[in-house]
């Protein structure tokens, strides 16, 4: 029983409306893809382009890699 005095099964069945599962799946996919973009530095590169106000090019990507490598070299390493 939940606080409203309903059986849990009835409350759970009432929550599933048409399109809810599809919306939740879309939202999960967006989070998953955003995570992958962060892991593979695509988001960092997009932020670099916006910060430096340049368009994507070989030269811009090379500068991004150099900046990224310099930042990683400055970080303290543990163990």
N, C-alpha and C. Protein backbone atom coordinates (compact mmCIF):
# COMPACT_ATOMS: atom_id res chain seq x y z
N UNK A 1 0.85 -1.18 0.00
CA UNK A 1 0.00 0.00 0.00
C UNK A 1 0.89 1.24 0.00
N UNK A 2 0.46 2.23 -0.74
CA UNK A 2 1.20 3.50 -0.76
C UNK A 2 0.47 4.51 0.11
N UNK A 3 0.98 5.72 0.25
CA UNK A 3 0.33 6.72 1.14
C UNK A 3 -1.12 7.02 0.78
N UNK A 4 -1.50 6.85 -0.47
CA UNK A 4 -2.89 7.12 -0.87
C UNK A 4 -3.82 5.95 -0.56
N UNK A 5 -3.26 4.86 -0.05
CA UNK A 5 -4.07 3.71 0.27
C UNK A 5 -4.32 2.81 -0.93
N UNK A 6 -3.58 3.01 -2.02
CA UNK A 6 -3.75 2.17 -3.21
C UNK A 6 -2.73 1.05 -3.17
N UNK A 7 -3.06 0.01 -3.84
CA UNK A 7 -2.10 -1.06 -4.00
C UNK A 7 -0.99 -0.58 -4.93
N UNK A 8 0.23 -1.00 -4.67
CA UNK A 8 1.38 -0.56 -5.45
C UNK A 8 1.22 -0.94 -6.91
N UNK A 9 0.67 -2.11 -7.19
CA UNK A 9 0.51 -2.55 -8.58
C UNK A 9 -0.41 -1.61 -9.35
N UNK A 10 -1.49 -1.18 -8.74
CA UNK A 10 -2.43 -0.27 -9.40
C UNK A 10 -1.77 1.08 -9.66
N UNK A 11 -0.99 1.56 -8.72
CA UNK A 11 -0.30 2.84 -8.91
C UNK A 11 0.73 2.73 -10.03
N UNK A 12 1.45 1.61 -10.10
CA UNK A 12 2.46 1.42 -11.14
C UNK A 12 1.81 1.34 -12.52
N UNK A 13 0.70 0.68 -12.64
CA UNK A 13 0.01 0.57 -13.93
C UNK A 13 -0.49 1.93 -14.39
N UNK A 14 -0.93 2.76 -13.47
CA UNK A 14 -1.47 4.06 -13.82
C UNK A 14 -0.38 5.00 -14.35
N UNK A 15 0.87 4.81 -13.92
CA UNK A 15 1.96 5.69 -14.33
C UNK A 15 2.35 5.52 -15.79
N UNK A 16 2.12 4.37 -16.38
CA UNK A 16 2.56 4.12 -17.76
C UNK A 16 1.50 4.59 -18.74
N UNK A 17 1.71 5.80 -19.22
CA UNK A 17 0.82 6.38 -20.21
C UNK A 17 1.47 6.24 -21.58
N UNK A 18 0.70 6.29 -22.65
CA UNK A 18 1.29 6.18 -23.98
C UNK A 18 2.35 7.25 -24.21
N UNK A 19 3.47 6.84 -24.72
CA UNK A 19 4.55 7.76 -25.04
C UNK A 19 5.54 7.99 -23.92
N UNK A 20 5.19 7.59 -22.69
CA UNK A 20 6.10 7.81 -21.56
C UNK A 20 7.36 6.99 -21.74
N UNK A 21 7.22 5.74 -22.11
CA UNK A 21 8.38 4.87 -22.29
C UNK A 21 9.25 5.37 -23.43
N UNK A 22 8.65 5.81 -24.51
CA UNK A 22 9.41 6.34 -25.65
C UNK A 22 10.16 7.60 -25.24
N UNK A 23 9.53 8.48 -24.47
CA UNK A 23 10.19 9.71 -24.02
C UNK A 23 11.35 9.38 -23.10
N UNK A 24 11.16 8.44 -22.19
CA UNK A 24 12.23 8.06 -21.28
C UNK A 24 13.39 7.41 -22.03
N UNK A 25 13.08 6.62 -23.05
CA UNK A 25 14.13 6.00 -23.86
C UNK A 25 14.92 7.07 -24.61
N UNK A 26 14.22 8.09 -25.14
CA UNK A 26 14.90 9.20 -25.83
C UNK A 26 15.81 9.95 -24.87
N UNK A 27 15.31 10.23 -23.68
CA UNK A 27 16.10 10.95 -22.68
C UNK A 27 17.33 10.14 -22.27
N UNK A 28 17.17 8.84 -22.12
CA UNK A 28 18.30 7.98 -21.77
C UNK A 28 19.33 7.96 -22.91
N UNK A 29 18.85 7.95 -24.15
CA UNK A 29 19.76 7.97 -25.29
C UNK A 29 20.53 9.28 -25.36
N UNK A 30 19.87 10.38 -25.04
CA UNK A 30 20.55 11.69 -25.04
C UNK A 30 21.65 11.70 -23.98
N UNK A 31 21.36 11.20 -22.80
CA UNK A 31 22.36 11.16 -21.73
C UNK A 31 23.52 10.25 -22.14
N UNK A 32 23.22 9.10 -22.72
CA UNK A 32 24.24 8.15 -23.15
C UNK A 32 25.15 8.78 -24.21
N UNK A 33 24.56 9.42 -25.21
CA UNK A 33 25.36 10.05 -26.28
C UNK A 33 26.17 11.22 -25.75
N UNK A 34 25.62 11.99 -24.84
CA UNK A 34 26.37 13.09 -24.22
C UNK A 34 27.57 12.56 -23.45
N UNK A 35 27.38 11.45 -22.77
CA UNK A 35 28.48 10.83 -22.03
C UNK A 35 29.59 10.38 -22.98
N UNK A 36 29.20 9.76 -24.10
CA UNK A 36 30.19 9.34 -25.08
C UNK A 36 30.94 10.54 -25.66
N UNK A 37 30.24 11.63 -25.91
CA UNK A 37 30.90 12.83 -26.45
C UNK A 37 31.92 13.38 -25.47
N UNK A 38 31.62 13.32 -24.18
CA UNK A 38 32.58 13.77 -23.17
C UNK A 38 33.78 12.82 -23.11
N UNK A 39 33.52 11.53 -23.15
CA UNK A 39 34.60 10.55 -23.07
C UNK A 39 35.57 10.71 -24.24
N UNK A 40 35.05 10.93 -25.43
CA UNK A 40 35.89 11.00 -26.61
C UNK A 40 36.24 12.44 -27.01
N UNK A 41 36.12 13.38 -26.08
CA UNK A 41 36.55 14.77 -26.23
C UNK A 41 35.81 15.56 -27.31
N UNK A 42 34.71 15.08 -27.84
CA UNK A 42 33.97 15.86 -28.83
C UNK A 42 33.37 17.12 -28.20
N UNK A 43 32.88 17.00 -26.99
CA UNK A 43 32.32 18.16 -26.30
C UNK A 43 33.41 19.16 -25.96
N UNK A 44 34.56 18.67 -25.56
CA UNK A 44 35.66 19.57 -25.24
C UNK A 44 36.10 20.33 -26.48
N UNK A 45 36.13 19.65 -27.61
CA UNK A 45 36.51 20.31 -28.86
C UNK A 45 35.48 21.37 -29.26
N UNK A 46 34.21 21.06 -29.08
CA UNK A 46 33.15 22.04 -29.37
C UNK A 46 33.29 23.26 -28.47
N UNK A 47 33.60 23.04 -27.19
CA UNK A 47 33.81 24.17 -26.28
C UNK A 47 35.04 24.97 -26.69
N UNK A 48 36.10 24.30 -27.13
CA UNK A 48 37.31 24.97 -27.61
C UNK A 48 36.98 25.87 -28.80
N UNK A 49 36.22 25.33 -29.76
CA UNK A 49 35.85 26.12 -30.93
C UNK A 49 35.05 27.35 -30.54
N UNK A 50 34.10 27.18 -29.63
CA UNK A 50 33.27 28.31 -29.20
C UNK A 50 34.10 29.33 -28.43
N UNK A 51 34.97 28.85 -27.56
CA UNK A 51 35.79 29.76 -26.75
C UNK A 51 36.74 30.59 -27.62
N UNK A 52 37.31 29.96 -28.63
CA UNK A 52 38.26 30.66 -29.51
C UNK A 52 37.61 31.28 -30.73
N UNK A 53 36.32 31.09 -30.87
CA UNK A 53 35.54 31.63 -31.98
C UNK A 53 36.16 31.28 -33.33
N UNK A 54 36.42 29.99 -33.53
CA UNK A 54 36.96 29.50 -34.80
C UNK A 54 36.07 28.37 -35.30
N UNK A 55 36.20 28.07 -36.59
CA UNK A 55 35.45 26.96 -37.16
C UNK A 55 36.34 25.73 -37.14
N UNK A 56 35.71 24.59 -37.22
CA UNK A 56 36.45 23.34 -37.20
C UNK A 56 37.33 23.22 -38.44
N UNK A 57 38.59 22.91 -38.22
CA UNK A 57 39.54 22.73 -39.32
C UNK A 57 40.70 21.90 -38.78
N UNK A 58 41.58 21.50 -39.69
CA UNK A 58 42.77 20.75 -39.26
C UNK A 58 43.61 21.58 -38.30
N UNK A 59 43.80 22.85 -38.64
CA UNK A 59 44.61 23.72 -37.79
C UNK A 59 43.98 23.90 -36.42
N UNK A 60 42.66 24.09 -36.38
CA UNK A 60 41.97 24.26 -35.10
C UNK A 60 42.07 22.99 -34.26
N UNK A 61 41.92 21.84 -34.90
CA UNK A 61 42.00 20.58 -34.15
C UNK A 61 43.42 20.35 -33.63
N UNK A 62 44.41 20.71 -34.44
CA UNK A 62 45.79 20.60 -33.99
C UNK A 62 46.05 21.48 -32.78
N UNK A 63 45.55 22.71 -32.81
CA UNK A 63 45.70 23.60 -31.66
C UNK A 63 44.97 23.05 -30.44
N UNK A 64 43.79 22.48 -30.65
CA UNK A 64 43.04 21.85 -29.55
C UNK A 64 43.86 20.72 -28.93
N UNK A 65 44.47 19.88 -29.76
CA UNK A 65 45.26 18.77 -29.25
C UNK A 65 46.46 19.27 -28.46
N UNK A 66 47.13 20.31 -28.96
CA UNK A 66 48.28 20.86 -28.25
C UNK A 66 47.85 21.46 -26.90
N UNK A 67 46.74 22.20 -26.91
CA UNK A 67 46.24 22.80 -25.67
C UNK A 67 45.83 21.73 -24.68
N UNK A 68 45.19 20.70 -25.17
CA UNK A 68 44.73 19.60 -24.32
C UNK A 68 45.92 18.85 -23.73
N UNK A 69 46.94 18.59 -24.54
CA UNK A 69 48.13 17.89 -24.06
C UNK A 69 48.86 18.72 -23.02
N UNK A 70 48.95 20.02 -23.23
CA UNK A 70 49.61 20.90 -22.27
C UNK A 70 48.86 20.90 -20.94
N UNK A 71 47.54 20.92 -21.00
CA UNK A 71 46.74 20.91 -19.77
C UNK A 71 46.91 19.59 -19.03
N UNK A 72 46.96 18.49 -19.76
CA UNK A 72 47.14 17.18 -19.12
C UNK A 72 48.53 17.07 -18.49
N UNK A 73 49.54 17.66 -19.14
CA UNK A 73 50.90 17.60 -18.61
C UNK A 73 51.03 18.38 -17.31
N UNK A 74 50.25 19.44 -17.14
CA UNK A 74 50.32 20.28 -15.94
C UNK A 74 49.66 19.61 -14.74
N UNK A 75 48.74 18.70 -14.96
CA UNK A 75 48.02 18.07 -13.85
C UNK A 75 48.98 17.23 -13.01
N UNK A 76 48.77 17.28 -11.72
CA UNK A 76 49.57 16.46 -10.82
C UNK A 76 49.16 15.01 -10.98
N UNK A 77 50.14 14.15 -10.96
CA UNK A 77 49.86 12.72 -11.09
C UNK A 77 50.03 12.07 -9.71
N UNK A 78 49.10 11.27 -9.41
CA UNK A 78 49.14 10.55 -8.14
C UNK A 78 49.57 9.11 -8.38
N UNK A 79 50.38 8.62 -7.52
CA UNK A 79 50.79 7.21 -7.49
C UNK A 79 51.65 6.84 -8.65
